[in-house]
Amino acid sequence: MAGSIAGAIGGRSAVPQEWIDGVIEGSRIDITATGPTMAAVSRDIWRQDRARFEERSAGLSTLLSAVGER
């Protein structure tokens, strides 16, 4: 967990290579390959969430301006 937090904040260079090697060996997956994929998915989700927020915000602005015109 500490390595994940350190990596998220400081990038891969913030995590000692022996920690990375230990996780790869213990989990039997190459975490250096899955990290970029997870980051890309996170960026896509963020973009989609932002687009939905902007849609809702525009709709609310329209409703509120219609109410204000009465």
C-alpha atoms as a PDB file:
ATOM      1  CA  MET A   1       0.000   0.000   0.000  1.00  0.00           C
ATOM      2  CA  ALA A   2       2.813   2.416   0.867  1.00  0.00           C
ATOM      3  CA  GLY A   3       4.404   1.805  -2.519  1.00  0.00           C
ATOM      4  CA  SER A   4       1.119   2.541  -4.285  1.00  0.00           C
ATOM      5  CA  ILE A   5       0.729   5.836  -2.455  1.00  0.00           C
ATOM      6  CA  ALA A   6       4.372   6.781  -3.019  1.00  0.00           C
ATOM      7  CA  GLY A   7       4.047   5.935  -6.710  1.00  0.00           C
ATOM      8  CA  ALA A   8       0.815   7.879  -7.095  1.00  0.00           C
ATOM      9  CA  ILE A   9       2.351  10.967  -5.520  1.00  0.00           C
ATOM     10  CA  GLY A  10       5.928  10.828  -6.731  1.00  0.00           C
ATOM     11  CA  GLY A  11       5.873   8.593  -9.778  1.00  0.00           C
ATOM     12  CA  ARG A  12       7.621   5.298 -10.257  1.00  0.00           C
ATOM     13  CA  SER A  13      10.992   6.718  -9.244  1.00  0.00           C
ATOM     14  CA  ALA A  14       9.618   7.270  -5.715  1.00  0.00           C
ATOM     15  CA  VAL A  15       9.190   3.515  -5.210  1.00  0.00           C
ATOM     16  CA  PRO A  16      12.303   1.436  -4.515  1.00  0.00           C
ATOM     17  CA  GLN A  17      12.882  -1.207  -7.191  1.00  0.00           C
ATOM     18  CA  GLU A  18      13.087  -3.952  -4.544  1.00  0.00           C
ATOM     19  CA  TRP A  19       9.505  -3.116  -3.475  1.00  0.00           C
ATOM     20  CA  ILE A  20       8.338  -3.393  -7.079  1.00  0.00           C
ATOM     21  CA  ASP A  21      10.203  -6.670  -7.569  1.00  0.00           C
ATOM     22  CA  GLY A  22       8.705  -8.061  -4.346  1.00  0.00           C
ATOM     23  CA  VAL A  23       5.147  -7.216  -5.390  1.00  0.00           C
ATOM     24  CA  ILE A  24       5.678  -8.632  -8.883  1.00  0.00           C
ATOM     25  CA  GLU A  25       7.052 -11.860  -7.414  1.00  0.00           C
ATOM     26  CA  GLY A  26       4.399 -12.157  -4.711  1.00  0.00           C
ATOM     27  CA  SER A  27       1.396 -11.328  -6.888  1.00  0.00           C
ATOM     28  CA  ARG A  28       2.715 -13.029 -10.025  1.00  0.00           C
ATOM     29  CA  ILE A  29       1.675 -10.108 -12.219  1.00  0.00           C
ATOM     30  CA  ASP A  30       3.759  -7.367 -13.757  1.00  0.00           C
ATOM     31  CA  ILE A  31       2.438  -4.330 -11.935  1.00  0.00           C
ATOM     32  CA  THR A  32       4.499  -2.066 -14.157  1.00  0.00           C
ATOM     33  CA  ALA A  33       2.351  -3.193 -17.110  1.00  0.00           C
ATOM     34  CA  THR A  34      -1.021  -2.849 -15.365  1.00  0.00           C
ATOM     35  CA  GLY A  35      -0.337   0.608 -13.902  1.00  0.00           C
ATOM     36  CA  PRO A  36      -0.466   2.537 -17.198  1.00  0.00           C
ATOM     37  CA  THR A  37      -3.644   0.671 -18.173  1.00  0.00           C
ATOM     38  CA  MET A  38      -5.299   1.538 -14.876  1.00  0.00           C
ATOM     39  CA  ALA A  39      -4.233   5.183 -15.264  1.00  0.00           C
ATOM     40  CA  ALA A  40      -5.705   5.339 -18.774  1.00  0.00           C
ATOM     41  CA  VAL A  41      -8.995   3.863 -17.582  1.00  0.00           C
ATOM     42  CA  SER A  42      -9.075   6.373 -14.717  1.00  0.00           C
ATOM     43  CA  ARG A  43      -8.544   9.263 -17.145  1.00  0.00           C
ATOM     44  CA  ASP A  44     -11.372   7.986 -19.375  1.00  0.00           C
ATOM     45  CA  ILE A  45     -13.735   7.690 -16.413  1.00  0.00           C
ATOM     46  CA  TRP A  46     -12.800  11.182 -15.250  1.00  0.00           C
ATOM     47  CA  ARG A  47     -13.497  12.634 -18.727  1.00  0.00           C
ATOM     48  CA  GLN A  48     -16.868  10.896 -18.905  1.00  0.00           C
ATOM     49  CA  ASP A  49     -17.811  12.046 -15.398  1.00  0.00           C
ATOM     50  CA  ARG A  50     -16.796  15.606 -16.272  1.00  0.00           C
ATOM     51  CA  ALA A  51     -18.906  15.547 -19.454  1.00  0.00           C
ATOM     52  CA  ARG A  52     -21.949  14.303 -17.490  1.00  0.00           C
ATOM     53  CA  PHE A  53     -21.417  17.013 -14.888  1.00  0.00           C
ATOM     54  CA  GLU A  54     -21.241  19.715 -17.565  1.00  0.00           C
ATOM     55  CA  GLU A  55     -24.450  18.391 -19.162  1.00  0.00           C
ATOM     56  CA  ARG A  56     -26.288  18.442 -15.835  1.00  0.00           C
ATOM     57  CA  SER A  57     -24.922  21.879 -15.036  1.00  0.00           C
ATOM     58  CA  ALA A  58     -26.098  23.284 -18.366  1.00  0.00           C
ATOM     59  CA  GLY A  59     -29.543  21.746 -17.862  1.00  0.00           C
ATOM     60  CA  LEU A  60     -29.810  23.204 -14.377  1.00  0.00           C
ATOM     61  CA  SER A  61     -28.755  26.639 -15.653  1.00  0.00           C
ATOM     62  CA  THR A  62     -31.466  26.458 -18.295  1.00  0.00           C
ATOM     63  CA  LEU A  63     -34.089  25.539 -15.709  1.00  0.00           C
ATOM     64  CA  LEU A  64     -32.991  28.230 -13.294  1.00  0.00           C
ATOM     65  CA  SER A  65     -32.975  30.921 -15.962  1.00  0.00           C
ATOM     66  CA  ALA A  66     -36.493  29.877 -17.026  1.00  0.00           C
ATOM     67  CA  VAL A  67     -37.685  30.177 -13.421  1.00  0.00           C
ATOM     68  CA  GLY A  68     -36.025  33.587 -13.100  1.00  0.00           C
ATOM     69  CA  GLU A  69     -37.905  34.885 -16.151  1.00  0.00           C
ATOM     70  CA  ARG A  70     -41.313  34.510 -14.515  1.00  0.00           C
END
